[in-house]
PDB file of all heavy atoms in Angstrom:
ATOM      1  N   TYR A   1      35.675 141.098 149.926  1.00  0.00           N
ATOM      2  CA  TYR A   1      36.265 140.889 148.617  1.00  0.00           C
ATOM      3  C   TYR A   1      37.574 141.667 148.563  1.00  0.00           C
ATOM      4  O   TYR A   1      37.651 142.793 149.057  1.00  0.00           O
ATOM      5  CB  TYR A   1      35.327 141.387 147.512  1.00  0.00           C
ATOM      6  CG  TYR A   1      33.926 140.842 147.640  1.00  0.00           C
ATOM      7  CD1 TYR A   1      32.988 141.486 148.424  1.00  0.00           C
ATOM      8  CD2 TYR A   1      33.554 139.675 146.984  1.00  0.00           C
ATOM      9  CE1 TYR A   1      31.708 140.983 148.567  1.00  0.00           C
ATOM     10  CE2 TYR A   1      32.277 139.161 147.116  1.00  0.00           C
ATOM     11  CZ  TYR A   1      31.358 139.820 147.907  1.00  0.00           C
ATOM     12  OH  TYR A   1      30.090 139.316 148.045  1.00  0.00           O
ATOM     13  N   TYR A   2      38.596 141.065 147.941  1.00  0.00           N
ATOM     14  CA  TYR A   2      39.916 141.673 147.919  1.00  0.00           C
ATOM     15  C   TYR A   2      40.536 141.635 146.540  1.00  0.00           C
ATOM     16  O   TYR A   2      40.338 140.678 145.783  1.00  0.00           O
ATOM     17  CB  TYR A   2      40.848 140.948 148.885  1.00  0.00           C
ATOM     18  CG  TYR A   2      40.432 141.040 150.329  1.00  0.00           C
ATOM     19  CD1 TYR A   2      39.681 140.031 150.917  1.00  0.00           C
ATOM     20  CD2 TYR A   2      40.790 142.135 151.094  1.00  0.00           C
ATOM     21  CE1 TYR A   2      39.297 140.116 152.247  1.00  0.00           C
ATOM     22  CE2 TYR A   2      40.409 142.228 152.425  1.00  0.00           C
ATOM     23  CZ  TYR A   2      39.660 141.215 152.993  1.00  0.00           C
ATOM     24  OH  TYR A   2      39.284 141.305 154.313  1.00  0.00           O
ATOM     25  N   SER A   3      41.315 142.659 146.241  1.00  0.00           N
ATOM     26  CA  SER A   3      42.155 142.617 145.063  1.00  0.00           C
ATOM     27  C   SER A   3      43.196 141.521 145.236  1.00  0.00           C
ATOM     28  O   SER A   3      43.857 141.458 146.281  1.00  0.00           O
ATOM     29  CB  SER A   3      42.852 143.960 144.868  1.00  0.00           C
ATOM     30  OG  SER A   3      43.862 143.869 143.889  1.00  0.00           O
ATOM     31  N   PRO A   4      43.353 140.654 144.238  1.00  0.00           N
ATOM     32  CA  PRO A   4      44.351 139.590 144.381  1.00  0.00           C
ATOM     33  C   PRO A   4      45.759 140.096 144.689  1.00  0.00           C
ATOM     34  O   PRO A   4      46.496 139.441 145.433  1.00  0.00           O
ATOM     35  CB  PRO A   4      44.302 138.884 143.023  1.00  0.00           C
ATOM     36  CG  PRO A   4      42.909 139.132 142.535  1.00  0.00           C
ATOM     37  CD  PRO A   4      42.590 140.523 142.998  1.00  0.00           C
ATOM     38  N   SER A   5      46.125 141.231 144.135  1.00  0.00           N
ATOM     39  CA  SER A   5      47.469 141.753 144.329  1.00  0.00           C
ATOM     40  C   SER A   5      47.714 142.279 145.732  1.00  0.00           C
ATOM     41  O   SER A   5      48.864 142.461 146.134  1.00  0.00           O
ATOM     42  CB  SER A   5      47.762 142.847 143.307  1.00  0.00           C
ATOM     43  OG  SER A   5      46.919 143.969 143.503  1.00  0.00           O
ATOM     44  N   LEU A   6      46.672 142.529 146.473  1.00  0.00           N
ATOM     45  CA  LEU A   6      46.798 143.101 147.805  1.00  0.00           C
ATOM     46  C   LEU A   6      46.254 142.206 148.907  1.00  0.00           C
ATOM     47  O   LEU A   6      46.413 142.521 150.085  1.00  0.00           O
ATOM     48  CB  LEU A   6      46.078 144.451 147.871  1.00  0.00           C
ATOM     49  CG  LEU A   6      46.617 145.559 146.974  1.00  0.00           C
ATOM     50  CD1 LEU A   6      45.645 146.725 146.948  1.00  0.00           C
ATOM     51  CD2 LEU A   6      47.987 146.012 147.455  1.00  0.00           C
ATOM     52  N   LYS A   7      45.637 141.119 148.541  1.00  0.00           N
ATOM     53  CA  LYS A   7      44.925 140.296 149.503  1.00  0.00           C
ATOM     54  C   LYS A   7      45.786 139.852 150.671  1.00  0.00           C
ATOM     55  O   LYS A   7      45.319 139.812 151.820  1.00  0.00           O
ATOM     56  CB  LYS A   7      44.320 139.077 148.804  1.00  0.00           C
ATOM     57  CG  LYS A   7      43.485 138.197 149.708  1.00  0.00           C
ATOM     58  CD  LYS A   7      42.844 137.065 148.935  1.00  0.00           C
ATOM     59  CE  LYS A   7      41.979 136.200 149.838  1.00  0.00           C
ATOM     60  NZ  LYS A   7      41.332 135.099 149.086  1.00  0.00           N
ATOM     61  N   SER A   8      47.038 139.522 150.390  1.00  0.00           N
ATOM     62  CA  SER A   8      47.889 138.966 151.429  1.00  0.00           C
ATOM     63  C   SER A   8      48.155 139.937 152.569  1.00  0.00           C
ATOM     64  O   SER A   8      48.505 139.523 153.673  1.00  0.00           O
ATOM     65  CB  SER A   8      49.218 138.495 150.840  1.00  0.00           C
ATOM     66  OG  SER A   8      49.972 139.580 150.342  1.00  0.00           O
ATOM     67  N   ARG A   9      48.014 141.221 152.315  1.00  0.00           N
ATOM     68  CA  ARG A   9      48.300 142.186 153.362  1.00  0.00           C
ATOM     69  C   ARG A   9      47.160 143.172 153.582  1.00  0.00           C
ATOM     70  O   ARG A   9      47.354 144.243 154.156  1.00  0.00           O
ATOM     71  CB  ARG A   9      49.609 142.918 153.083  1.00  0.00           C
ATOM     72  CG  ARG A   9      49.679 143.667 151.786  1.00  0.00           C
ATOM     73  CD  ARG A   9      51.124 144.117 151.510  1.00  0.00           C
ATOM     74  NE  ARG A   9      51.193 144.971 150.335  1.00  0.00           N
ATOM     75  CZ  ARG A   9      51.246 146.288 150.357  1.00  0.00           C
ATOM     76  NH1 ARG A   9      51.252 146.935 151.516  1.00  0.00           N
ATOM     77  NH2 ARG A   9      51.309 146.974 149.224  1.00  0.00           N
ATOM     78  N   THR A  10      45.980 142.826 153.139  1.00  0.00           N
ATOM     79  CA  THR A  10      44.821 143.701 153.265  1.00  0.00           C
ATOM     80  C   THR A  10      43.722 143.026 154.062  1.00  0.00           C
ATOM     81  O   THR A  10      43.468 141.833 153.898  1.00  0.00           O
ATOM     82  CB  THR A  10      44.277 144.084 151.881  1.00  0.00           C
ATOM     83  OG1 THR A  10      45.311 144.725 151.125  1.00  0.00           O
ATOM     84  CG2 THR A  10      43.098 145.046 152.006  1.00  0.00           C
ATOM     85  N   SER A  11      43.088 143.796 154.894  1.00  0.00           N
ATOM     86  CA  SER A  11      41.925 143.314 155.625  1.00  0.00           C
ATOM     87  C   SER A  11      40.883 144.417 155.678  1.00  0.00           C
ATOM     88  O   SER A  11      41.211 145.572 155.959  1.00  0.00           O
ATOM     89  CB  SER A  11      42.311 142.888 157.040  1.00  0.00           C
ATOM     90  OG  SER A  11      41.179 142.439 157.760  1.00  0.00           O
ATOM     91  N   ILE A  12      39.657 144.069 155.382  1.00  0.00           N
ATOM     92  CA  ILE A  12      38.555 145.011 155.492  1.00  0.00           C
ATOM     93  C   ILE A  12      37.575 144.481 156.527  1.00  0.00           C
ATOM     94  O   ILE A  12      37.286 143.283 156.577  1.00  0.00           O
ATOM     95  CB  ILE A  12      37.880 145.262 154.123  1.00  0.00           C
ATOM     96  CG1 ILE A  12      36.885 146.428 154.217  1.00  0.00           C
ATOM     97  CG2 ILE A  12      37.207 144.006 153.583  1.00  0.00           C
ATOM     98  CD1 ILE A  12      36.416 146.942 152.856  1.00  0.00           C
ATOM     99  N   SER A  13      37.097 145.362 157.347  1.00  0.00           N
ATOM    100  CA  SER A  13      36.184 144.972 158.412  1.00  0.00           C
ATOM    101  C   SER A  13      35.177 146.086 158.646  1.00  0.00           C
ATOM    102  O   SER A  13      35.278 147.165 158.044  1.00  0.00           O
ATOM    103  CB  SER A  13      36.951 144.662 159.702  1.00  0.00           C
ATOM    104  OG  SER A  13      37.675 145.799 160.141  1.00  0.00           O
ATOM    105  N   ARG A  14      34.224 145.831 159.515  1.00  0.00           N
ATOM    106  CA  ARG A  14      33.225 146.849 159.787  1.00  0.00           C
ATOM    107  C   ARG A  14      32.810 146.844 161.248  1.00  0.00           C
ATOM    108  O   ARG A  14      32.962 145.852 161.956  1.00  0.00           O
ATOM    109  CB  ARG A  14      31.998 146.654 158.899  1.00  0.00           C
ATOM    110  CG  ARG A  14      31.199 145.399 159.216  1.00  0.00           C
ATOM    111  CD  ARG A  14      30.037 145.238 158.262  1.00  0.00           C
ATOM    112  NE  ARG A  14      29.218 144.082 158.599  1.00  0.00           N
ATOM    113  CZ  ARG A  14      28.113 143.738 157.958  1.00  0.00           C
ATOM    114  NH1 ARG A  14      27.695 144.451 156.915  1.00  0.00           N
ATOM    115  NH2 ARG A  14      27.427 142.664 158.342  1.00  0.00           N
ATOM    116  N   ASP A  15      32.301 147.966 161.655  1.00  0.00           N
ATOM    117  CA  ASP A  15      31.716 148.128 162.970  1.00  0.00           C
ATOM    118  C   ASP A  15      30.303 148.634 162.725  1.00  0.00           C
ATOM    119  O   ASP A  15      30.103 149.822 162.455  1.00  0.00           O
ATOM    120  CB  ASP A  15      32.539 149.102 163.810  1.00  0.00           C
ATOM    121  CG  ASP A  15      32.043 149.226 165.232  1.00  0.00           C
ATOM    122  OD1 ASP A  15      30.842 149.010 165.484  1.00  0.00           O
ATOM    123  OD2 ASP A  15      32.863 149.550 166.116  1.00  0.00           O
ATOM    124  N   THR A  16      29.352 147.753 162.786  1.00  0.00           N
ATOM    125  CA  THR A  16      27.991 148.139 162.441  1.00  0.00           C
ATOM    126  C   THR A  16      27.389 149.114 163.447  1.00  0.00           C
ATOM    127  O   THR A  16      26.565 149.952 163.082  1.00  0.00           O
ATOM    128  CB  THR A  16      27.088 146.906 162.312  1.00  0.00           C
ATOM    129  OG1 THR A  16      27.091 146.164 163.537  1.00  0.00           O
ATOM    130  CG2 THR A  16      27.572 146.012 161.184  1.00  0.00           C
ATOM    131  N   ALA A  17      27.803 149.021 164.686  1.00  0.00           N
ATOM    132  CA  ALA A  17      27.285 149.934 165.695  1.00  0.00           C
ATOM    133  C   ALA A  17      27.694 151.371 165.408  1.00  0.00           C
ATOM    134  O   ALA A  17      26.948 152.309 165.692  1.00  0.00           O
ATOM    135  CB  ALA A  17      27.742 149.516 167.085  1.00  0.00           C
ATOM    136  N   LYS A  18      28.883 151.540 164.857  1.00  0.00           N
ATOM    137  CA  LYS A  18      29.385 152.865 164.523  1.00  0.00           C
ATOM    138  C   LYS A  18      29.124 153.243 163.074  1.00  0.00           C
ATOM    139  O   LYS A  18      29.438 154.361 162.669  1.00  0.00           O
ATOM    140  CB  LYS A  18      30.882 152.949 164.806  1.00  0.00           C
ATOM    141  CG  LYS A  18      31.242 152.797 166.274  1.00  0.00           C
ATOM    142  CD  LYS A  18      32.746 152.906 166.471  1.00  0.00           C
ATOM    143  CE  LYS A  18      33.118 152.786 167.936  1.00  0.00           C
ATOM    144  NZ  LYS A  18      34.593 152.873 168.140  1.00  0.00           N
ATOM    145  N   ASN A  19      28.593 152.311 162.302  1.00  0.00           N
ATOM    146  CA  ASN A  19      28.368 152.516 160.880  1.00  0.00           C
ATOM    147  C   ASN A  19      29.670 152.921 160.178  1.00  0.00           C
ATOM    148  O   ASN A  19      29.720 153.873 159.400  1.00  0.00           O
ATOM    149  CB  ASN A  19      27.277 153.561 160.632  1.00  0.00           C
ATOM    150  CG  ASN A  19      26.476 153.270 159.375  1.00  0.00           C
ATOM    151  OD1 ASN A  19      26.200 152.118 159.041  1.00  0.00           O
ATOM    152  ND2 ASN A  19      26.075 154.328 158.667  1.00  0.00           N
ATOM    153  N   GLN A  20      30.705 152.156 160.463  1.00  0.00           N
ATOM    154  CA  GLN A  20      32.018 152.410 159.911  1.00  0.00           C
ATOM    155  C   GLN A  20      32.591 151.137 159.312  1.00  0.00           C
ATOM    156  O   GLN A  20      32.266 150.036 159.759  1.00  0.00           O
ATOM    157  CB  GLN A  20      32.986 152.900 160.992  1.00  0.00           C
ATOM    158  CG  GLN A  20      32.633 154.238 161.615  1.00  0.00           C
ATOM    159  CD  GLN A  20      33.577 154.599 162.742  1.00  0.00           C
ATOM    160  OE1 GLN A  20      34.103 153.733 163.445  1.00  0.00           O
ATOM    161  NE2 GLN A  20      33.804 155.895 162.931  1.00  0.00           N
ATOM    162  N   PHE A  21      33.447 151.312 158.333  1.00  0.00           N
ATOM    163  CA  PHE A  21      34.246 150.193 157.870  1.00  0.00           C
ATOM    164  C   PHE A  21      35.692 150.634 157.758  1.00  0.00           C
ATOM    165  O   PHE A  21      35.989 151.802 157.557  1.00  0.00           O
ATOM    166  CB  PHE A  21      33.706 149.573 156.572  1.00  0.00           C
ATOM    167  CG  PHE A  21      33.685 150.480 155.372  1.00  0.00           C
ATOM    168  CD1 PHE A  21      34.667 150.367 154.397  1.00  0.00           C
ATOM    169  CD2 PHE A  21      32.674 151.411 155.189  1.00  0.00           C
ATOM    170  CE1 PHE A  21      34.638 151.164 153.265  1.00  0.00           C
ATOM    171  CE2 PHE A  21      32.634 152.211 154.063  1.00  0.00           C
ATOM    172  CZ  PHE A  21      33.617 152.091 153.102  1.00  0.00           C
ATOM    173  N   THR A  22      36.582 149.667 157.921  1.00  0.00           N
ATOM    174  CA  THR A  22      37.991 149.953 158.106  1.00  0.00           C
ATOM    175  C   THR A  22      38.846 149.137 157.151  1.00  0.00           C
ATOM    176  O   THR A  22      38.563 147.967 156.902  1.00  0.00           O
ATOM    177  CB  THR A  22      38.408 149.658 159.554  1.00  0.00           C
ATOM    178  OG1 THR A  22      37.706 150.539 160.431  1.00  0.00           O
ATOM    179  CG2 THR A  22      39.906 149.857 159.752  1.00  0.00           C
ATOM    180  N   LEU A  23      39.870 149.777 156.654  1.00  0.00           N
ATOM    181  CA  LEU A  23      40.884 149.113 155.843  1.00  0.00           C
ATOM    182  C   LEU A  23      42.158 149.001 156.654  1.00  0.00           C
ATOM    183  O   LEU A  23      42.615 149.984 157.233  1.00  0.00           O
ATOM    184  CB  LEU A  23      41.164 149.917 154.573  1.00  0.00           C
ATOM    185  CG  LEU A  23      42.305 149.401 153.692  1.00  0.00           C
ATOM    186  CD1 LEU A  23      41.865 148.157 152.934  1.00  0.00           C
ATOM    187  CD2 LEU A  23      42.768 150.483 152.726  1.00  0.00           C
ATOM    188  N   GLN A  24      42.724 147.820 156.677  1.00  0.00           N
ATOM    189  CA  GLN A  24      44.028 147.608 157.284  1.00  0.00           C
ATOM    190  C   GLN A  24      44.977 147.107 156.208  1.00  0.00           C
ATOM    191  O   GLN A  24      44.689 146.099 155.552  1.00  0.00           O
ATOM    192  CB  GLN A  24      43.943 146.609 158.426  1.00  0.00           C
ATOM    193  CG  GLN A  24      45.227 146.436 159.200  1.00  0.00           C
ATOM    194  CD  GLN A  24      45.135 146.935 160.619  1.00  0.00           C
ATOM    195  OE1 GLN A  24      45.899 147.824 161.019  1.00  0.00           O
ATOM    196  NE2 GLN A  24      44.210 146.391 161.381  1.00  0.00           N
ATOM    197  N   LEU A  25      46.073 147.816 156.030  1.00  0.00           N
ATOM    198  CA  LEU A  25      47.075 147.446 155.058  1.00  0.00           C
ATOM    199  C   LEU A  25      48.391 147.282 155.790  1.00  0.00           C
ATOM    200  O   LEU A  25      48.916 148.238 156.363  1.00  0.00           O
ATOM    201  CB  LEU A  25      47.198 148.518 153.971  1.00  0.00           C
ATOM    202  CG  LEU A  25      48.184 148.244 152.831  1.00  0.00           C
ATOM    203  CD1 LEU A  25      47.721 147.061 151.991  1.00  0.00           C
ATOM    204  CD2 LEU A  25      48.335 149.487 151.952  1.00  0.00           C
ATOM    205  N   SER A  26      48.906 146.081 155.798  1.00  0.00           N
ATOM    206  CA  SER A  26      50.111 145.782 156.543  1.00  0.00           C
ATOM    207  C   SER A  26      51.351 145.942 155.678  1.00  0.00           C
ATOM    208  O   SER A  26      51.286 145.996 154.454  1.00  0.00           O
ATOM    209  CB  SER A  26      50.045 144.360 157.120  1.00  0.00           C
ATOM    210  OG  SER A  26      50.032 143.399 156.084  1.00  0.00           O
ATOM    211  N   SER A  27      52.503 146.003 156.349  1.00  0.00           N
ATOM    212  CA  SER A  27      53.805 146.036 155.675  1.00  0.00           C
ATOM    213  C   SER A  27      53.863 147.062 154.564  1.00  0.00           C
ATOM    214  O   SER A  27      54.241 146.762 153.429  1.00  0.00           O
ATOM    215  CB  SER A  27      54.143 144.638 155.141  1.00  0.00           C
ATOM    216  OG  SER A  27      54.153 143.682 156.171  1.00  0.00           O
ATOM    217  N   VAL A  28      53.512 148.272 154.880  1.00  0.00           N
ATOM    218  CA  VAL A  28      53.453 149.299 153.844  1.00  0.00           C
ATOM    219  C   VAL A  28      54.846 149.689 153.371  1.00  0.00           C
ATOM    220  O   VAL A  28      55.839 149.551 154.082  1.00  0.00           O
ATOM    221  CB  VAL A  28      52.682 150.543 154.318  1.00  0.00           C
ATOM    222  CG1 VAL A  28      51.254 150.166 154.681  1.00  0.00           C
ATOM    223  CG2 VAL A  28      53.388 151.226 155.480  1.00  0.00           C
ATOM    224  N   ALA A  29      54.889 150.176 152.148  1.00  0.00           N
ATOM    225  CA  ALA A  29      56.103 150.623 151.501  1.00  0.00           C
ATOM    226  C   ALA A  29      55.824 151.955 150.816  1.00  0.00           C
ATOM    227  O   ALA A  29      54.664 152.355 150.678  1.00  0.00           O
ATOM    228  CB  ALA A  29      56.573 149.583 150.484  1.00  0.00           C
ATOM    229  N   PRO A  30      56.856 152.668 150.386  1.00  0.00           N
ATOM    230  CA  PRO A  30      56.605 153.938 149.692  1.00  0.00           C
ATOM    231  C   PRO A  30      55.648 153.829 148.516  1.00  0.00           C
ATOM    232  O   PRO A  30      54.944 154.796 148.212  1.00  0.00           O
ATOM    233  CB  PRO A  30      58.009 154.359 149.238  1.00  0.00           C
ATOM    234  CG  PRO A  30      58.910 153.782 150.274  1.00  0.00           C
ATOM    235  CD  PRO A  30      58.297 152.457 150.628  1.00  0.00           C
ATOM    236  N   GLU A  31      55.609 152.677 147.868  1.00  0.00           N
ATOM    237  CA  GLU A  31      54.701 152.466 146.746  1.00  0.00           C
ATOM    238  C   GLU A  31      53.233 152.492 147.159  1.00  0.00           C
ATOM    239  O   GLU A  31      52.353 152.573 146.301  1.00  0.00           O
ATOM    240  CB  GLU A  31      55.016 151.137 146.056  1.00  0.00           C
ATOM    241  CG  GLU A  31      56.374 151.110 145.344  1.00  0.00           C
ATOM    242  CD  GLU A  31      57.558 151.032 146.300  1.00  0.00           C
ATOM    243  OE1 GLU A  31      57.412 150.443 147.397  1.00  0.00           O
ATOM    244  OE2 GLU A  31      58.623 151.563 145.950  1.00  0.00           O
ATOM    245  N   ASP A  32      52.967 152.415 148.440  1.00  0.00           N
ATOM    246  CA  ASP A  32      51.601 152.518 148.939  1.00  0.00           C
ATOM    247  C   ASP A  32      51.154 153.963 149.136  1.00  0.00           C
ATOM    248  O   ASP A  32      50.004 154.205 149.515  1.00  0.00           O
ATOM    249  CB  ASP A  32      51.458 151.748 150.256  1.00  0.00           C
ATOM    250  CG  ASP A  32      51.623 150.257 150.072  1.00  0.00           C
ATOM    251  OD1 ASP A  32      50.975 149.694 149.154  1.00  0.00           O
ATOM    252  OD2 ASP A  32      52.409 149.646 150.830  1.00  0.00           O
TER     253      ASP A  32
END
């Protein structure tokens, strides 16, 4: 699930073996 305002440059994923989840935010700017 994604915030509409960030969806275009956001990806969330998981690694179940490591019990981790990751956020990827592309094209970052100072406002981030």
